[in-house]
Amino acid sequence: MADVASETACQALVAEALEAFGQIDIIVNNAGHFGGKLALPFTNMDEAEWDDNYAVNVKGPFFLCKAAADHMIERQYGKIVNISSIAAKRDPNFVPAYVATKNAILSLTRVLAKDLGPHNINVNAVCPGFVWTPFWHELAPLLAGQDEALMELEPREVFEKFVQGSVPLKREQEPEDIGNLVAFLSSEEARNITGQTIHCDGGAAMN
């Protein structure tokens, strides 16, 4: 466990991993934060909420990649997968800071891919779609409070409404779907894929 918003904590985490395992082959930046409230309109969001989103969702991946970069460059090997979100492609207006930070991760992914590519280090991003996670446990009641048609529904029912209304394949995504994609991007089968954003969202956002 580490506070990814702290550069010192990320450095300590990398040092601990190296002491335990001797090398780091793969980094998956999966920590995420949205703040537990909606911003409707966006002016309802204060500076602290914005900073909290940025600290976890952008500074965290940057700090961890920075902490491990010298080791991966020395070995001339590494796989980095940054977890963004379907929100980066659909721009829901009720979580502006979350959307902005998840878009920032996509830019950071491309920059790191260019910087680290000459050292045989692949950097890619994954945008998960509609996955029933604690994020939705928090978000669904907030959305229901803004829409009379959703007010009487349980959080899981709100989630399913969004799935049916937004996903062409008409099914939610499972954690295993995301994990399988991350495993592929972390494998040698994906050795010539870098700087890419790949959606795993049932078609909710199409390239």
N, C-alpha and C. Protein backbone atom coordinates (compact mmCIF):
# COMPACT_ATOMS: atom_id res chain seq x y z
N MET A 1 0.84 -1.19 0.00
CA MET A 1 0.00 0.00 0.00
C MET A 1 0.88 1.25 0.00
N ALA A 2 0.45 2.24 -0.77
CA ALA A 2 1.20 3.50 -0.81
C ALA A 2 0.26 4.63 -1.19
N ASP A 3 0.58 5.82 -0.73
CA ASP A 3 -0.14 7.02 -1.13
C ASP A 3 0.47 7.50 -2.44
N VAL A 4 -0.21 7.21 -3.57
CA VAL A 4 0.38 7.53 -4.87
C VAL A 4 0.48 9.03 -5.11
N ALA A 5 -0.22 9.83 -4.32
CA ALA A 5 -0.13 11.28 -4.47
C ALA A 5 1.16 11.83 -3.87
N SER A 6 1.94 10.96 -3.23
CA SER A 6 3.20 11.36 -2.61
C SER A 6 4.37 10.80 -3.41
N GLU A 7 5.25 11.67 -3.91
CA GLU A 7 6.41 11.18 -4.65
C GLU A 7 7.32 10.34 -3.76
N THR A 8 7.47 10.74 -2.52
CA THR A 8 8.30 9.97 -1.59
C THR A 8 7.74 8.57 -1.39
N ALA A 9 6.42 8.46 -1.25
CA ALA A 9 5.79 7.15 -1.07
C ALA A 9 5.97 6.28 -2.31
N CYS A 10 5.88 6.88 -3.50
CA CYS A 10 6.08 6.11 -4.74
C CYS A 10 7.53 5.63 -4.85
N GLN A 11 8.46 6.47 -4.47
CA GLN A 11 9.87 6.06 -4.48
C GLN A 11 10.09 4.91 -3.51
N ALA A 12 9.47 4.99 -2.34
CA ALA A 12 9.62 3.92 -1.35
C ALA A 12 8.99 2.62 -1.85
N LEU A 13 7.85 2.73 -2.54
CA LEU A 13 7.19 1.54 -3.08
C LEU A 13 8.07 0.84 -4.11
N VAL A 14 8.68 1.61 -5.00
CA VAL A 14 9.59 1.03 -5.99
C VAL A 14 10.79 0.38 -5.32
N ALA A 15 11.36 1.05 -4.33
CA ALA A 15 12.50 0.49 -3.61
C ALA A 15 12.12 -0.81 -2.91
N GLU A 16 10.95 -0.84 -2.33
CA GLU A 16 10.47 -2.05 -1.64
C GLU A 16 10.29 -3.21 -2.63
N ALA A 17 9.72 -2.90 -3.80
CA ALA A 17 9.53 -3.94 -4.82
C ALA A 17 10.86 -4.48 -5.32
N LEU A 18 11.82 -3.58 -5.52
CA LEU A 18 13.13 -4.02 -5.99
C LEU A 18 13.84 -4.87 -4.95
N GLU A 19 13.69 -4.51 -3.69
CA GLU A 19 14.31 -5.30 -2.62
C GLU A 19 13.68 -6.69 -2.55
N ALA A 20 12.37 -6.75 -2.75
CA ALA A 20 11.66 -8.03 -2.62
C ALA A 20 11.85 -8.93 -3.83
N PHE A 21 11.87 -8.33 -5.05
CA PHE A 21 11.84 -9.14 -6.26
C PHE A 21 13.06 -8.97 -7.17
N GLY A 22 13.86 -7.96 -6.91
CA GLY A 22 15.08 -7.78 -7.69
C GLY A 22 14.90 -7.03 -8.99
N GLN A 23 13.69 -6.94 -9.50
CA GLN A 23 13.45 -6.22 -10.74
C GLN A 23 11.97 -5.86 -10.84
N ILE A 24 11.68 -4.88 -11.68
CA ILE A 24 10.31 -4.49 -11.97
C ILE A 24 10.11 -4.59 -13.48
N ASP A 25 9.22 -5.46 -13.90
CA ASP A 25 8.94 -5.65 -15.32
C ASP A 25 7.72 -4.85 -15.78
N ILE A 26 6.72 -4.73 -14.90
CA ILE A 26 5.42 -4.19 -15.30
C ILE A 26 4.94 -3.19 -14.24
N ILE A 27 4.40 -2.08 -14.70
CA ILE A 27 3.71 -1.14 -13.82
C ILE A 27 2.29 -0.95 -14.37
N VAL A 28 1.30 -1.12 -13.51
CA VAL A 28 -0.08 -0.83 -13.87
C VAL A 28 -0.58 0.27 -12.94
N ASN A 29 -0.80 1.44 -13.48
CA ASN A 29 -1.29 2.57 -12.68
C ASN A 29 -2.81 2.53 -12.65
N ASN A 30 -3.35 2.03 -11.54
CA ASN A 30 -4.78 1.76 -11.46
C ASN A 30 -5.48 2.53 -10.35
N ALA A 31 -4.76 3.34 -9.59
CA ALA A 31 -5.41 4.13 -8.54
C ALA A 31 -6.31 5.18 -9.18
N GLY A 32 -7.46 5.43 -8.57
CA GLY A 32 -8.38 6.42 -9.13
C GLY A 32 -9.18 7.12 -8.06
N HIS A 33 -9.64 8.33 -8.37
CA HIS A 33 -10.38 9.15 -7.41
C HIS A 33 -11.34 10.06 -8.18
N PHE A 34 -12.58 10.20 -7.66
CA PHE A 34 -13.48 11.18 -8.29
C PHE A 34 -14.11 12.14 -7.30
N GLY A 35 -14.05 11.84 -6.01
CA GLY A 35 -14.42 12.84 -5.01
C GLY A 35 -15.74 12.64 -4.30
N GLY A 36 -16.59 11.75 -4.80
CA GLY A 36 -17.81 11.43 -4.07
C GLY A 36 -18.93 12.44 -4.17
N LYS A 37 -18.84 13.39 -5.10
CA LYS A 37 -19.94 14.33 -5.31
C LYS A 37 -19.95 14.77 -6.77
N LEU A 38 -21.11 15.24 -7.21
CA LEU A 38 -21.25 15.70 -8.58
C LEU A 38 -20.97 17.20 -8.66
N ALA A 39 -20.57 17.64 -9.84
CA ALA A 39 -20.37 19.06 -10.09
C ALA A 39 -21.36 19.49 -11.16
N LEU A 40 -22.53 19.85 -10.75
CA LEU A 40 -23.58 20.32 -11.65
C LEU A 40 -24.14 21.63 -11.10
N PRO A 41 -23.76 22.79 -11.63
CA PRO A 41 -22.79 22.98 -12.71
C PRO A 41 -21.35 22.83 -12.22
N PHE A 42 -20.40 22.97 -13.14
CA PHE A 42 -18.99 22.74 -12.80
C PHE A 42 -18.50 23.72 -11.75
N THR A 43 -19.16 24.88 -11.63
CA THR A 43 -18.73 25.88 -10.64
C THR A 43 -18.97 25.42 -9.21
N ASN A 44 -19.69 24.33 -9.03
CA ASN A 44 -19.86 23.76 -7.68
C ASN A 44 -18.61 23.08 -7.17
N MET A 45 -17.66 22.81 -8.05
CA MET A 45 -16.44 22.13 -7.64
C MET A 45 -15.44 23.14 -7.10
N ASP A 46 -14.86 22.83 -5.93
CA ASP A 46 -13.89 23.76 -5.35
C ASP A 46 -12.46 23.31 -5.64
N GLU A 47 -11.53 24.14 -5.28
CA GLU A 47 -10.12 23.90 -5.59
C GLU A 47 -9.60 22.62 -4.96
N ALA A 48 -10.01 22.35 -3.73
CA ALA A 48 -9.52 21.15 -3.04
C ALA A 48 -9.96 19.88 -3.76
N GLU A 49 -11.20 19.85 -4.23
CA GLU A 49 -11.69 18.68 -4.96
C GLU A 49 -10.92 18.49 -6.26
N TRP A 50 -10.68 19.59 -6.96
CA TRP A 50 -9.90 19.51 -8.19
C TRP A 50 -8.50 18.97 -7.90
N ASP A 51 -7.86 19.51 -6.87
CA ASP A 51 -6.50 19.09 -6.53
C ASP A 51 -6.43 17.63 -6.11
N ASP A 52 -7.45 17.15 -5.39
CA ASP A 52 -7.48 15.75 -4.97
C ASP A 52 -7.54 14.82 -6.18
N ASN A 53 -8.38 15.16 -7.16
CA ASN A 53 -8.46 14.37 -8.38
C ASN A 53 -7.11 14.36 -9.10
N TYR A 54 -6.53 15.52 -9.23
CA TYR A 54 -5.26 15.62 -9.96
C TYR A 54 -4.14 14.87 -9.25
N ALA A 55 -4.13 14.96 -7.93
CA ALA A 55 -3.06 14.33 -7.16
C ALA A 55 -3.04 12.82 -7.36
N VAL A 56 -4.20 12.20 -7.31
CA VAL A 56 -4.27 10.74 -7.43
C VAL A 56 -4.21 10.29 -8.89
N ASN A 57 -4.98 10.94 -9.75
CA ASN A 57 -5.18 10.43 -11.11
C ASN A 57 -4.08 10.81 -12.08
N VAL A 58 -3.32 11.86 -11.80
CA VAL A 58 -2.27 12.30 -12.71
C VAL A 58 -0.89 12.26 -12.05
N LYS A 59 -0.77 12.92 -10.90
CA LYS A 59 0.54 12.92 -10.24
C LYS A 59 0.94 11.51 -9.83
N GLY A 60 -0.02 10.70 -9.40
CA GLY A 60 0.30 9.33 -8.97
C GLY A 60 1.00 8.53 -10.05
N PRO A 61 0.39 8.37 -11.24
CA PRO A 61 1.08 7.64 -12.31
C PRO A 61 2.42 8.28 -12.70
N PHE A 62 2.47 9.61 -12.74
CA PHE A 62 3.73 10.27 -13.05
C PHE A 62 4.81 9.93 -12.03
N PHE A 63 4.48 10.03 -10.76
CA PHE A 63 5.46 9.75 -9.71
C PHE A 63 5.95 8.31 -9.78
N LEU A 64 5.03 7.36 -9.98
CA LEU A 64 5.43 5.95 -9.98
C LEU A 64 6.29 5.63 -11.19
N CYS A 65 5.91 6.15 -12.36
CA CYS A 65 6.72 5.92 -13.55
C CYS A 65 8.10 6.56 -13.39
N LYS A 66 8.13 7.74 -12.85
CA LYS A 66 9.40 8.43 -12.63
C LYS A 66 10.29 7.64 -11.69
N ALA A 67 9.70 7.10 -10.63
CA ALA A 67 10.48 6.36 -9.64
C ALA A 67 11.09 5.08 -10.22
N ALA A 68 10.39 4.46 -11.17
CA ALA A 68 10.86 3.19 -11.74
C ALA A 68 11.63 3.36 -13.04
N ALA A 69 11.65 4.56 -13.60
CA ALA A 69 12.21 4.76 -14.94
C ALA A 69 13.68 4.38 -15.03
N ASP A 70 14.50 4.83 -14.08
CA ASP A 70 15.94 4.54 -14.17
C ASP A 70 16.19 3.03 -14.17
N HIS A 71 15.46 2.31 -13.34
CA HIS A 71 15.61 0.85 -13.28
C HIS A 71 15.23 0.21 -14.60
N MET A 72 14.10 0.61 -15.16
CA MET A 72 13.65 0.02 -16.43
C MET A 72 14.60 0.40 -17.57
N ILE A 73 15.09 1.64 -17.58
CA ILE A 73 16.02 2.07 -18.62
C ILE A 73 17.32 1.28 -18.52
N GLU A 74 17.81 1.08 -17.30
CA GLU A 74 19.04 0.30 -17.12
C GLU A 74 18.89 -1.12 -17.65
N ARG A 75 17.70 -1.70 -17.44
CA ARG A 75 17.44 -3.07 -17.91
C ARG A 75 17.06 -3.11 -19.38
N GLN A 76 16.73 -1.95 -19.94
CA GLN A 76 16.25 -1.87 -21.33
C GLN A 76 15.02 -2.76 -21.52
N TYR A 77 14.11 -2.63 -20.55
CA TYR A 77 12.88 -3.44 -20.63
C TYR A 77 11.84 -2.88 -19.66
N GLY A 78 10.59 -2.90 -20.08
CA GLY A 78 9.51 -2.54 -19.18
C GLY A 78 8.19 -2.42 -19.90
N LYS A 79 7.11 -2.65 -19.17
CA LYS A 79 5.75 -2.48 -19.68
C LYS A 79 4.99 -1.61 -18.68
N ILE A 80 4.41 -0.53 -19.17
CA ILE A 80 3.62 0.35 -18.32
C ILE A 80 2.22 0.45 -18.92
N VAL A 81 1.22 0.22 -18.09
CA VAL A 81 -0.17 0.36 -18.52
C VAL A 81 -0.87 1.33 -17.57
N ASN A 82 -1.36 2.42 -18.13
CA ASN A 82 -2.09 3.42 -17.35
C ASN A 82 -3.58 3.22 -17.53
N ILE A 83 -4.30 3.13 -16.43
CA ILE A 83 -5.75 2.95 -16.49
C ILE A 83 -6.42 4.32 -16.49
N SER A 84 -7.03 4.64 -17.61
CA SER A 84 -7.79 5.87 -17.74
C SER A 84 -9.27 5.54 -17.49
N SER A 85 -10.15 5.99 -18.35
CA SER A 85 -11.58 5.75 -18.15
C SER A 85 -12.34 6.08 -19.42
N ILE A 86 -13.48 5.44 -19.59
CA ILE A 86 -14.40 5.79 -20.67
C ILE A 86 -14.83 7.25 -20.56
N ALA A 87 -14.75 7.79 -19.34
CA ALA A 87 -15.10 9.20 -19.13
C ALA A 87 -14.21 10.12 -19.95
N ALA A 88 -12.98 9.70 -20.22
CA ALA A 88 -12.07 10.52 -21.01
C ALA A 88 -12.52 10.64 -22.45
N LYS A 89 -13.39 9.73 -22.88
CA LYS A 89 -13.87 9.74 -24.26
C LYS A 89 -15.31 10.22 -24.38
N ARG A 90 -16.07 10.17 -23.29
CA ARG A 90 -17.49 10.56 -23.34
C ARG A 90 -17.76 11.89 -22.65
N ASP A 91 -16.80 12.39 -21.86
CA ASP A 91 -16.87 13.71 -21.24
C ASP A 91 -18.16 13.98 -20.47
N PRO A 92 -18.53 13.12 -19.52
CA PRO A 92 -19.72 13.42 -18.71
C PRO A 92 -19.51 14.70 -17.90
N ASN A 93 -20.47 15.59 -17.99
CA ASN A 93 -20.26 16.92 -17.39
C ASN A 93 -20.41 16.93 -15.87
N PHE A 94 -20.86 15.84 -15.28
CA PHE A 94 -21.08 15.85 -13.83
C PHE A 94 -19.81 15.52 -13.03
N VAL A 95 -18.71 15.14 -13.70
CA VAL A 95 -17.45 14.89 -12.98
C VAL A 95 -16.29 15.55 -13.76
N PRO A 96 -16.28 16.88 -13.85
CA PRO A 96 -15.31 17.56 -14.72
C PRO A 96 -13.85 17.32 -14.34
N ALA A 97 -13.54 17.32 -13.05
CA ALA A 97 -12.15 17.11 -12.66
C ALA A 97 -11.69 15.70 -13.00
N TYR A 98 -12.57 14.72 -12.76
CA TYR A 98 -12.25 13.33 -13.09
C TYR A 98 -12.01 13.19 -14.59
N VAL A 99 -12.89 13.79 -15.40
CA VAL A 99 -12.74 13.72 -16.86
C VAL A 99 -11.42 14.36 -17.28
N ALA A 100 -11.11 15.53 -16.76
CA ALA A 100 -9.89 16.23 -17.14
C ALA A 100 -8.65 15.42 -16.79
N THR A 101 -8.66 14.81 -15.61
CA THR A 101 -7.47 14.05 -15.20
C THR A 101 -7.34 12.76 -16.00
N LYS A 102 -8.44 12.12 -16.32
CA LYS A 102 -8.37 10.88 -17.10
C LYS A 102 -7.95 11.16 -18.54
N ASN A 103 -8.26 12.36 -19.05
CA ASN A 103 -7.72 12.78 -20.34
C ASN A 103 -6.23 13.08 -20.23
N ALA A 104 -5.82 13.68 -19.13
CA ALA A 104 -4.40 13.99 -18.92
C ALA A 104 -3.56 12.71 -18.95
N ILE A 105 -4.10 11.63 -18.42
CA ILE A 105 -3.38 10.36 -18.41
C ILE A 105 -3.11 9.88 -19.84
N LEU A 106 -4.04 10.13 -20.75
CA LEU A 106 -3.84 9.70 -22.14
C LEU A 106 -2.70 10.49 -22.77
N SER A 107 -2.62 11.78 -22.49
CA SER A 107 -1.51 12.59 -23.00
C SER A 107 -0.19 12.14 -22.37
N LEU A 108 -0.21 11.92 -21.07
CA LEU A 108 1.00 11.46 -20.38
C LEU A 108 1.48 10.13 -20.96
N THR A 109 0.55 9.25 -21.27
CA THR A 109 0.89 7.95 -21.86
C THR A 109 1.66 8.13 -23.16
N ARG A 110 1.20 9.01 -24.02
CA ARG A 110 1.86 9.23 -25.30
C ARG A 110 3.25 9.85 -25.12
N VAL A 111 3.35 10.79 -24.19
CA VAL A 111 4.64 11.43 -23.92
C VAL A 111 5.65 10.41 -23.41
N LEU A 112 5.23 9.58 -22.45
CA LEU A 112 6.14 8.58 -21.89
C LEU A 112 6.51 7.53 -22.93
N ALA A 113 5.55 7.19 -23.79
CA ALA A 113 5.86 6.21 -24.84
C ALA A 113 6.97 6.72 -25.75
N LYS A 114 6.94 7.99 -26.10
CA LYS A 114 7.99 8.57 -26.93
C LYS A 114 9.32 8.63 -26.19
N ASP A 115 9.26 8.99 -24.92
CA ASP A 115 10.47 9.17 -24.11
C ASP A 115 11.14 7.83 -23.82
N LEU A 116 10.34 6.82 -23.51
CA LEU A 116 10.88 5.54 -23.05
C LEU A 116 11.00 4.50 -24.16
N GLY A 117 10.37 4.76 -25.30
CA GLY A 117 10.41 3.79 -26.39
C GLY A 117 11.81 3.38 -26.81
N PRO A 118 12.76 4.31 -26.94
CA PRO A 118 14.12 3.93 -27.33
C PRO A 118 14.80 2.98 -26.35
N HIS A 119 14.22 2.83 -25.15
CA HIS A 119 14.78 1.92 -24.13
C HIS A 119 13.98 0.62 -24.04
N ASN A 120 13.21 0.32 -25.08
CA ASN A 120 12.42 -0.93 -25.14
C ASN A 120 11.38 -1.00 -24.02
N ILE A 121 10.78 0.15 -23.72
CA ILE A 121 9.74 0.23 -22.70
C ILE A 121 8.43 0.64 -23.38
N ASN A 122 7.43 -0.19 -23.26
CA ASN A 122 6.12 0.08 -23.85
C ASN A 122 5.23 0.78 -22.84
N VAL A 123 4.52 1.80 -23.31
CA VAL A 123 3.60 2.54 -22.44
C VAL A 123 2.26 2.68 -23.17
N ASN A 124 1.21 2.14 -22.58
CA ASN A 124 -0.12 2.20 -23.19
C ASN A 124 -1.16 2.55 -22.14
N ALA A 125 -2.34 2.90 -22.61
CA ALA A 125 -3.45 3.24 -21.71
C ALA A 125 -4.66 2.38 -22.05
N VAL A 126 -5.43 2.08 -21.03
CA VAL A 126 -6.69 1.33 -21.18
C VAL A 126 -7.82 2.20 -20.64
N CYS A 127 -8.90 2.28 -21.40
CA CYS A 127 -10.11 2.98 -20.95
C CYS A 127 -11.19 1.95 -20.65
N PRO A 128 -11.36 1.58 -19.38
CA PRO A 128 -12.47 0.68 -19.04
C PRO A 128 -13.81 1.37 -19.25
N GLY A 129 -14.83 0.57 -19.53
CA GLY A 129 -16.16 1.11 -19.73
C GLY A 129 -17.00 1.05 -18.47
N PHE A 130 -18.11 0.32 -18.54
CA PHE A 130 -19.07 0.27 -17.44
C PHE A 130 -18.81 -0.99 -16.61
N VAL A 131 -18.01 -0.81 -15.58
CA VAL A 131 -17.65 -1.92 -14.68
C VAL A 131 -18.26 -1.62 -13.32
N TRP A 132 -18.97 -2.59 -12.76
CA TRP A 132 -19.62 -2.41 -11.46
C TRP A 132 -18.56 -2.47 -10.37
N THR A 133 -18.14 -1.29 -9.92
CA THR A 133 -17.08 -1.14 -8.92
C THR A 133 -17.56 -0.21 -7.81
N PRO A 134 -16.76 -0.03 -6.75
CA PRO A 134 -17.13 0.94 -5.71
C PRO A 134 -17.36 2.34 -6.26
N PHE A 135 -16.72 2.70 -7.37
CA PHE A 135 -16.97 3.99 -8.02
C PHE A 135 -18.45 4.16 -8.30
N TRP A 136 -19.09 3.12 -8.85
CA TRP A 136 -20.51 3.19 -9.18
C TRP A 136 -21.39 3.11 -7.94
N HIS A 137 -20.94 2.47 -6.90
CA HIS A 137 -21.69 2.46 -5.63
C HIS A 137 -21.88 3.90 -5.14
N GLU A 138 -20.85 4.72 -5.34
CA GLU A 138 -20.93 6.13 -4.94
C GLU A 138 -21.68 6.98 -5.96
N LEU A 139 -21.39 6.72 -7.23
CA LEU A 139 -21.91 7.57 -8.29
C LEU A 139 -23.40 7.39 -8.54
N ALA A 140 -23.88 6.16 -8.53
CA ALA A 140 -25.28 5.88 -8.90
C ALA A 140 -26.28 6.66 -8.03
N PRO A 141 -26.16 6.67 -6.71
CA PRO A 141 -27.12 7.44 -5.91
C PRO A 141 -27.08 8.94 -6.22
N LEU A 142 -25.89 9.45 -6.56
CA LEU A 142 -25.77 10.87 -6.90
C LEU A 142 -26.50 11.17 -8.20
N LEU A 143 -26.35 10.28 -9.17
CA LEU A 143 -27.05 10.46 -10.45
C LEU A 143 -28.56 10.34 -10.27
N ALA A 144 -28.97 9.40 -9.42
CA ALA A 144 -30.40 9.21 -9.17
C ALA A 144 -31.01 10.46 -8.55
N GLY A 145 -30.23 11.16 -7.74
CA GLY A 145 -30.72 12.38 -7.12
C GLY A 145 -30.93 13.52 -8.09
N GLN A 146 -30.41 13.38 -9.30
CA GLN A 146 -30.54 14.43 -10.31
C GLN A 146 -31.61 14.12 -11.36
N ASP A 147 -32.20 12.93 -11.30
CA ASP A 147 -33.10 12.48 -12.36
C ASP A 147 -34.30 11.77 -11.75
N GLU A 148 -35.49 12.34 -11.91
CA GLU A 148 -36.70 11.75 -11.31
C GLU A 148 -36.92 10.33 -11.77
N ALA A 149 -36.55 10.02 -12.99
CA ALA A 149 -36.76 8.67 -13.52
C ALA A 149 -35.88 7.64 -12.83
N LEU A 150 -34.85 8.10 -12.14
CA LEU A 150 -33.91 7.17 -11.49
C LEU A 150 -34.06 7.16 -9.97
N MET A 151 -34.84 8.08 -9.41
CA MET A 151 -34.85 8.29 -7.97
C MET A 151 -35.27 7.07 -7.16
N GLU A 152 -36.17 6.26 -7.70
CA GLU A 152 -36.67 5.11 -6.95
C GLU A 152 -35.83 3.86 -7.16
N LEU A 153 -34.77 3.97 -7.95
CA LEU A 153 -33.98 2.79 -8.30
C LEU A 153 -32.82 2.58 -7.34
N GLU A 154 -32.45 1.32 -7.15
CA GLU A 154 -31.25 0.97 -6.39
C GLU A 154 -30.01 1.29 -7.23
N PRO A 155 -28.86 1.48 -6.58
CA PRO A 155 -27.64 1.80 -7.33
C PRO A 155 -27.35 0.84 -8.47
N ARG A 156 -27.54 -0.45 -8.22
CA ARG A 156 -27.27 -1.42 -9.28
C ARG A 156 -28.22 -1.23 -10.47
N GLU A 157 -29.44 -0.86 -10.18
CA GLU A 157 -30.42 -0.63 -11.25
C GLU A 157 -30.07 0.61 -12.06
N VAL A 158 -29.58 1.65 -11.37
CA VAL A 158 -29.13 2.85 -12.07
C VAL A 158 -27.98 2.50 -13.01
N PHE A 159 -27.05 1.75 -12.50
CA PHE A 159 -25.91 1.30 -13.31
C PHE A 159 -26.38 0.56 -14.55
N GLU A 160 -27.31 -0.37 -14.38
CA GLU A 160 -27.80 -1.16 -15.51
C GLU A 160 -28.53 -0.30 -16.54
N LYS A 161 -29.21 0.76 -16.08
CA LYS A 161 -29.85 1.69 -17.01
C LYS A 161 -28.80 2.36 -17.90
N PHE A 162 -27.70 2.77 -17.30
CA PHE A 162 -26.64 3.39 -18.06
C PHE A 162 -26.01 2.41 -19.05
N VAL A 163 -25.83 1.17 -18.62
CA VAL A 163 -25.28 0.16 -19.52
C VAL A 163 -26.18 -0.03 -20.73
N GLN A 164 -27.46 -0.19 -20.49
CA GLN A 164 -28.39 -0.45 -21.58
C GLN A 164 -28.52 0.76 -22.51
N GLY A 165 -28.36 1.95 -21.96
CA GLY A 165 -28.51 3.15 -22.77
C GLY A 165 -27.24 3.60 -23.48
N SER A 166 -26.09 3.04 -23.08
CA SER A 166 -24.82 3.56 -23.59
C SER A 166 -23.94 2.55 -24.30
N VAL A 167 -24.18 1.26 -24.08
CA VAL A 167 -23.27 0.22 -24.57
C VAL A 167 -23.91 -0.55 -25.71
N PRO A 168 -23.39 -0.45 -26.93
CA PRO A 168 -23.98 -1.18 -28.05
C PRO A 168 -24.10 -2.69 -27.84
N LEU A 169 -23.13 -3.29 -27.14
CA LEU A 169 -23.20 -4.73 -26.89
C LEU A 169 -24.19 -5.09 -25.78
N LYS A 170 -24.75 -4.05 -25.11
CA LYS A 170 -25.81 -4.24 -24.11
C LYS A 170 -25.38 -5.13 -22.95
N ARG A 171 -24.10 -5.04 -22.60
CA ARG A 171 -23.66 -5.77 -21.40
C ARG A 171 -22.56 -4.98 -20.72
N GLU A 172 -22.49 -5.14 -19.40
CA GLU A 172 -21.45 -4.48 -18.64
C GLU A 172 -20.11 -5.15 -18.89
N GLN A 173 -19.05 -4.45 -18.52
CA GLN A 173 -17.72 -5.03 -18.60
C GLN A 173 -17.33 -5.58 -17.23
N GLU A 174 -16.64 -6.70 -17.25
CA GLU A 174 -16.21 -7.35 -16.02
C GLU A 174 -14.75 -6.98 -15.72
N PRO A 175 -14.36 -7.03 -14.44
CA PRO A 175 -12.95 -6.78 -14.13
C PRO A 175 -12.00 -7.68 -14.92
N GLU A 176 -12.45 -8.91 -15.19
CA GLU A 176 -11.61 -9.83 -15.96
C GLU A 176 -11.36 -9.32 -17.38
N ASP A 177 -12.35 -8.62 -17.95
CA ASP A 177 -12.16 -8.06 -19.29
C ASP A 177 -11.01 -7.06 -19.30
N ILE A 178 -10.99 -6.22 -18.28
CA ILE A 178 -9.93 -5.21 -18.18
C ILE A 178 -8.60 -5.90 -17.89
N GLY A 179 -8.63 -6.87 -16.98
CA GLY A 179 -7.41 -7.59 -16.61
C GLY A 179 -6.80 -8.32 -17.79
N ASN A 180 -7.63 -8.93 -18.62
CA ASN A 180 -7.11 -9.65 -19.80
C ASN A 180 -6.42 -8.69 -20.77
N LEU A 181 -7.00 -7.51 -20.94
CA LEU A 181 -6.38 -6.52 -21.83
C LEU A 181 -5.06 -6.03 -21.26
N VAL A 182 -5.04 -5.76 -19.96
CA VAL A 182 -3.80 -5.32 -19.32
C VAL A 182 -2.73 -6.40 -19.43
N ALA A 183 -3.13 -7.66 -19.22
CA ALA A 183 -2.17 -8.77 -19.33
C ALA A 183 -1.59 -8.86 -20.73
N PHE A 184 -2.44 -8.65 -21.74
CA PHE A 184 -1.95 -8.68 -23.12
C PHE A 184 -0.95 -7.55 -23.36
N LEU A 185 -1.29 -6.33 -22.95
CA LEU A 185 -0.40 -5.20 -23.16
C LEU A 185 0.91 -5.34 -22.38
N SER A 186 0.89 -6.17 -21.35
CA SER A 186 2.09 -6.41 -20.53
C SER A 186 2.92 -7.57 -21.05
N SER A 187 2.46 -8.20 -22.12
CA SER A 187 3.12 -9.40 -22.64
C SER A 187 3.99 -9.09 -23.84
N GLU A 188 4.81 -10.05 -24.23
CA GLU A 188 5.65 -9.88 -25.41
C GLU A 188 4.84 -9.90 -26.70
N GLU A 189 3.63 -10.48 -26.65
CA GLU A 189 2.76 -10.44 -27.82
C GLU A 189 2.41 -9.01 -28.23
N ALA A 190 2.50 -8.07 -27.27
CA ALA A 190 2.19 -6.66 -27.53
C ALA A 190 3.46 -5.80 -27.65
N ARG A 191 4.56 -6.42 -27.99
CA ARG A 191 5.85 -5.72 -27.96
C ARG A 191 5.93 -4.54 -28.93
N ASN A 192 5.12 -4.55 -29.97
CA ASN A 192 5.13 -3.45 -30.93
C ASN A 192 3.92 -2.52 -30.79
N ILE A 193 3.29 -2.56 -29.63
CA ILE A 193 2.19 -1.64 -29.34
C ILE A 193 2.65 -0.68 -28.25
N THR A 194 2.68 0.59 -28.56
CA THR A 194 3.04 1.58 -27.54
C THR A 194 2.41 2.92 -27.90
N GLY A 195 2.15 3.71 -26.87
CA GLY A 195 1.55 5.03 -27.05
C GLY A 195 0.09 4.99 -27.44
N GLN A 196 -0.57 3.84 -27.20
CA GLN A 196 -1.94 3.66 -27.65
C GLN A 196 -2.94 3.73 -26.50
N THR A 197 -4.15 4.14 -26.83
CA THR A 197 -5.28 4.08 -25.90
C THR A 197 -6.27 3.05 -26.44
N ILE A 198 -6.56 2.05 -25.65
CA ILE A 198 -7.45 0.97 -26.08
C ILE A 198 -8.67 0.95 -25.17
N HIS A 199 -9.84 0.97 -25.76
CA HIS A 199 -11.09 0.94 -25.00
C HIS A 199 -11.51 -0.51 -24.75
N CYS A 200 -12.01 -0.75 -23.57
CA CYS A 200 -12.67 -2.03 -23.27
C CYS A 200 -14.02 -1.66 -22.67
N ASP A 201 -14.99 -1.37 -23.56
CA ASP A 201 -16.21 -0.70 -23.12
C ASP A 201 -17.48 -1.16 -23.85
N GLY A 202 -17.40 -2.27 -24.56
CA GLY A 202 -18.58 -2.76 -25.26
C GLY A 202 -19.05 -1.87 -26.40
N GLY A 203 -18.15 -0.97 -26.84
CA GLY A 203 -18.51 -0.08 -27.94
C GLY A 203 -19.09 1.25 -27.51
N ALA A 204 -19.02 1.57 -26.22
CA ALA A 204 -19.61 2.82 -25.73
C ALA A 204 -18.93 4.05 -26.33
N ALA A 205 -17.63 3.94 -26.59
CA ALA A 205 -16.90 5.00 -27.30
C ALA A 205 -16.12 4.34 -28.41
N MET A 206 -16.31 4.81 -29.62
CA MET A 206 -15.66 4.18 -30.77
C MET A 206 -14.66 5.13 -31.41
N ASN A 207 -13.54 4.57 -31.87
CA ASN A 207 -12.50 5.37 -32.51
C ASN A 207 -12.97 5.85 -33.89
